[in-house]
Protein backbone atom coordinates (compact mmCIF):
# COMPACT_ATOMS: atom_id res chain seq x y z
CA MET A 1 -7.97 143.89 20.77
CA VAL A 2 -8.10 146.33 23.43
CA ILE A 3 -4.54 147.22 24.56
CA PRO A 4 -4.44 147.80 28.78
CA PRO A 5 -2.62 151.14 30.23
CA ILE A 6 -0.94 149.24 32.16
CA SER A 7 0.20 145.42 32.49
CA LEU A 8 1.93 143.72 35.42
CA LEU A 9 4.03 140.91 34.54
CA ALA A 10 5.62 138.67 37.28
CA GLY A 11 7.75 135.68 37.21
CA ARG A 12 10.96 134.40 36.71
CA GLU A 13 10.49 133.14 33.20
CA ILE A 14 12.04 136.02 30.79
CA VAL A 15 11.34 133.79 27.60
CA LEU A 16 7.42 134.39 28.48
CA ARG A 17 8.16 137.83 29.62
CA ASP A 18 10.20 138.73 26.19
CA GLU A 19 7.50 136.70 24.16
CA TYR A 20 4.35 138.39 25.74
CA LEU A 21 6.34 141.67 25.05
CA ASN A 22 7.19 141.59 21.61
CA LYS A 23 3.00 140.58 21.22
CA LEU A 24 2.55 144.20 22.70
CA LYS A 25 4.80 145.90 20.89
CA GLU A 26 3.45 144.76 17.67
CA GLN A 27 -0.18 145.94 18.71
CA VAL A 28 0.91 149.22 19.64
CA PHE A 29 2.94 149.89 17.19
CA GLY A 30 2.49 147.28 13.92
CA PRO A 31 4.64 146.51 11.59
CA GLY A 32 7.32 149.75 11.36
CA SER A 33 10.29 150.40 12.94
CA ASN A 34 9.81 153.41 14.80
CA ARG A 35 9.20 149.92 18.05
CA ASP A 36 12.48 150.72 19.57
CA LEU A 37 12.50 155.05 19.36
CA ASN A 38 8.90 154.68 21.06
CA THR A 39 10.03 151.91 23.65
CA ALA A 40 12.47 153.46 26.99
CA THR A 41 12.81 150.86 29.73
CA CYS A 42 13.69 151.67 33.31
CA ASP A 43 15.53 149.06 35.81
CA CYS A 44 14.59 150.33 39.54
CA ARG A 45 17.50 148.84 40.45
CA LYS A 46 19.74 151.16 38.85
CA GLU A 47 17.69 154.11 38.17
CA PRO A 48 15.19 156.18 39.88
CA LEU A 49 10.61 156.11 39.10
CA SER A 50 11.28 159.65 38.16
CA THR A 51 13.53 158.37 35.15
CA ALA A 52 9.71 156.40 33.97
CA LEU A 53 7.65 159.09 35.16
CA ASP A 54 9.68 161.72 33.37
CA GLN A 55 9.72 158.94 29.65
CA ALA A 56 6.34 158.69 30.01
CA LYS A 57 5.55 162.27 30.05
CA THR A 58 7.71 162.69 26.62
CA ALA A 59 5.79 162.60 23.26
CA PRO A 60 6.22 159.68 21.44
CA PHE A 61 8.14 159.97 17.80
CA LEU A 62 6.44 159.45 14.24
CA SER A 63 3.72 157.50 16.19
CA GLU A 64 0.98 157.93 18.86
CA LYS A 65 2.05 155.82 21.31
CA ARG A 66 4.95 155.71 23.26
CA LEU A 67 5.46 151.97 25.39
CA ILE A 68 7.37 152.16 29.33
CA ILE A 69 8.88 148.86 30.59
CA ILE A 70 9.75 149.41 34.13
CA ASP A 71 12.14 146.04 35.33
CA HIS A 72 12.24 145.71 38.61
CA ILE A 73 9.38 147.64 40.11
CA ASP A 74 9.19 145.00 43.28
CA THR A 75 12.74 147.02 44.62
CA LEU A 76 10.91 150.75 45.32
CA LYS A 77 10.93 151.57 48.98
CA ALA A 78 8.05 153.31 49.89
């Protein structure tokens, strides 16, 4: 399966979102413990978007890929 570079999850179903994210992490990282080291979450209600962009620029640690999760992106102002 091809993993898209960007996925947009919208809605209030937290359980479905978490299930999708867990499957995505397994596809991106496979089995192993580097998953948490290479996953970053940015909450746009508390942090500027630049935080997520800085994480995206950071090289992965003992992995080929990084996963950046941006929560509440709809709260950003133009």
